């Protein structure tokens, strides 16, 4: 008897999903072909427009790891746009450079000093 119950459950599930399709695949009755995902170049591509009147903030860290961790903290706590920050190696040290909007510059300067 348990197998009959399983067959009924499978049949009900087949009926329930008959009109669905995977989210990554377009429905076959449209003119669209291929996946509907955004190309990675559009998601990761260009830099954002520069901040008008932006203030450059800088801090030197002893290692790349320390600079990366500081940047992650600023992105989380700031919030800071990751595209507005750069890491520049300077010998053994790494300098974190950040362009901040004028209204947020002082607050971000304090966060950068604590990082």
Protein backbone atom coordinates (compact mmCIF):
# COMPACT_ATOMS: atom_id res chain seq x y z
CA UNK A 1 0.00 0.00 0.00
CA UNK A 2 2.74 2.57 0.76
CA UNK A 3 3.89 2.47 -2.88
CA UNK A 4 0.34 3.34 -4.06
CA UNK A 5 0.40 6.39 -1.82
CA UNK A 6 3.79 7.41 -3.23
CA UNK A 7 2.50 7.03 -6.79
CA UNK A 8 -0.48 9.25 -5.98
CA UNK A 9 1.82 11.88 -4.44
CA UNK A 10 4.07 11.81 -7.51
CA UNK A 11 1.09 12.18 -9.83
CA UNK A 12 -0.21 15.15 -7.83
CA UNK A 13 3.21 16.78 -7.93
CA UNK A 14 3.44 16.26 -11.68
CA UNK A 15 0.09 17.99 -12.13
CA UNK A 16 1.12 20.87 -9.83
CA UNK A 17 4.35 21.66 -11.70
CA UNK A 18 3.12 21.01 -15.23
CA UNK A 19 2.89 24.73 -16.11
CA UNK A 20 6.13 25.80 -14.47
CA UNK A 21 9.63 26.05 -15.83
CA UNK A 22 13.08 26.74 -14.33
CA UNK A 23 13.66 30.43 -13.65
CA UNK A 24 16.80 30.42 -15.76
CA UNK A 25 14.97 29.16 -18.84
CA UNK A 26 12.55 31.32 -20.82
CA UNK A 27 9.13 29.89 -21.60
CA UNK A 28 9.07 28.19 -24.99
CA UNK A 29 6.08 30.16 -26.28
CA UNK A 30 7.99 33.47 -26.39
CA UNK A 31 10.46 34.69 -28.98
CA UNK A 32 13.15 34.85 -26.33
CA UNK A 33 15.96 32.31 -26.57
CA UNK A 34 18.78 31.51 -24.18
CA UNK A 35 18.91 32.31 -20.49
CA UNK A 36 17.49 35.41 -18.88
CA UNK A 37 20.45 35.94 -16.59
CA UNK A 38 22.28 39.26 -16.73
CA UNK A 39 25.71 38.89 -18.38
CA UNK A 40 28.51 39.06 -15.79
CA UNK A 41 30.05 42.03 -17.59
CA UNK A 42 26.98 44.12 -16.83
CA UNK A 43 27.01 43.18 -13.15
CA UNK A 44 30.74 43.51 -12.55
CA UNK A 45 31.75 45.79 -15.38
CA UNK A 46 32.32 49.48 -15.14
CA UNK A 47 33.09 51.84 -12.37
CA UNK A 48 30.44 54.19 -11.10
CA UNK A 49 30.58 57.85 -11.98
CA UNK A 50 33.03 59.80 -9.84
CA UNK A 51 31.64 61.49 -6.75
CA UNK A 52 31.21 65.21 -7.54
CA UNK A 53 33.37 67.23 -5.16
CA UNK A 54 34.57 63.98 -3.57
CA UNK A 55 37.13 64.08 -0.76
CA UNK A 56 40.13 61.73 -0.98
CA UNK A 57 40.78 59.81 2.24
CA UNK A 58 43.95 57.73 2.66
CA UNK A 59 45.37 55.36 5.23
CA UNK A 60 48.42 53.12 5.09
CA UNK A 61 48.23 49.54 6.39
CA UNK A 62 51.12 47.18 7.11
CA UNK A 63 49.77 44.43 4.85
CA UNK A 64 47.32 43.82 2.03
CA UNK A 65 45.20 41.63 4.32
CA UNK A 66 44.82 44.44 6.85
CA UNK A 67 43.84 46.90 4.11
CA UNK A 68 41.29 44.47 2.66
CA UNK A 69 39.75 43.86 6.06
CA UNK A 70 39.54 47.61 6.67
CA UNK A 71 37.85 48.09 3.30
CA UNK A 72 35.33 45.33 4.07
CA UNK A 73 34.55 47.01 7.38
CA UNK A 74 34.03 50.37 5.66
CA UNK A 75 31.77 48.80 3.03
CA UNK A 76 29.68 47.24 5.80
CA UNK A 77 29.68 50.06 8.35
CA UNK A 78 30.00 53.14 6.14
CA UNK A 79 28.41 52.17 3.89
CA UNK A 80 31.06 52.84 1.29
CA UNK A 81 30.80 52.03 -2.40
CA UNK A 82 33.52 49.47 -3.11
CA UNK A 83 34.14 51.11 -6.50
CA UNK A 84 35.10 54.36 -4.75
CA UNK A 85 38.04 52.66 -3.01
CA UNK A 86 41.42 51.47 -4.25
CA UNK A 87 44.31 49.55 -2.71
CA UNK A 88 47.79 50.76 -3.74
CA UNK A 89 50.85 48.70 -2.82
CA UNK A 90 53.72 50.77 -1.45
CA UNK A 91 56.60 48.44 -0.72
CA UNK A 92 55.57 46.11 2.09
CA UNK A 93 52.65 48.37 3.04
CA UNK A 94 49.37 49.01 1.24
CA UNK A 95 47.56 52.33 1.09
CA UNK A 96 43.75 52.36 1.07
CA UNK A 97 42.42 55.33 -0.90
CA UNK A 98 38.78 56.24 -0.71
CA UNK A 99 36.77 58.98 -2.44
CA UNK A 100 34.01 60.08 -0.06
CA UNK A 101 31.05 62.36 -0.71
CA UNK A 102 31.69 65.76 0.92
CA UNK A 103 28.84 65.34 3.41
CA UNK A 104 30.13 61.96 4.60
CA UNK A 105 33.86 62.70 4.54
CA UNK A 106 34.33 63.43 8.24
CA UNK A 107 32.28 60.41 9.38
CA UNK A 108 34.18 58.12 7.00
CA UNK A 109 37.49 59.65 8.09
CA UNK A 110 36.71 58.59 11.66
CA UNK A 111 35.72 55.07 10.53
CA UNK A 112 38.91 54.79 8.47
CA UNK A 113 41.03 55.89 11.43
CA UNK A 114 39.44 53.18 13.60
CA UNK A 115 39.87 50.45 10.97
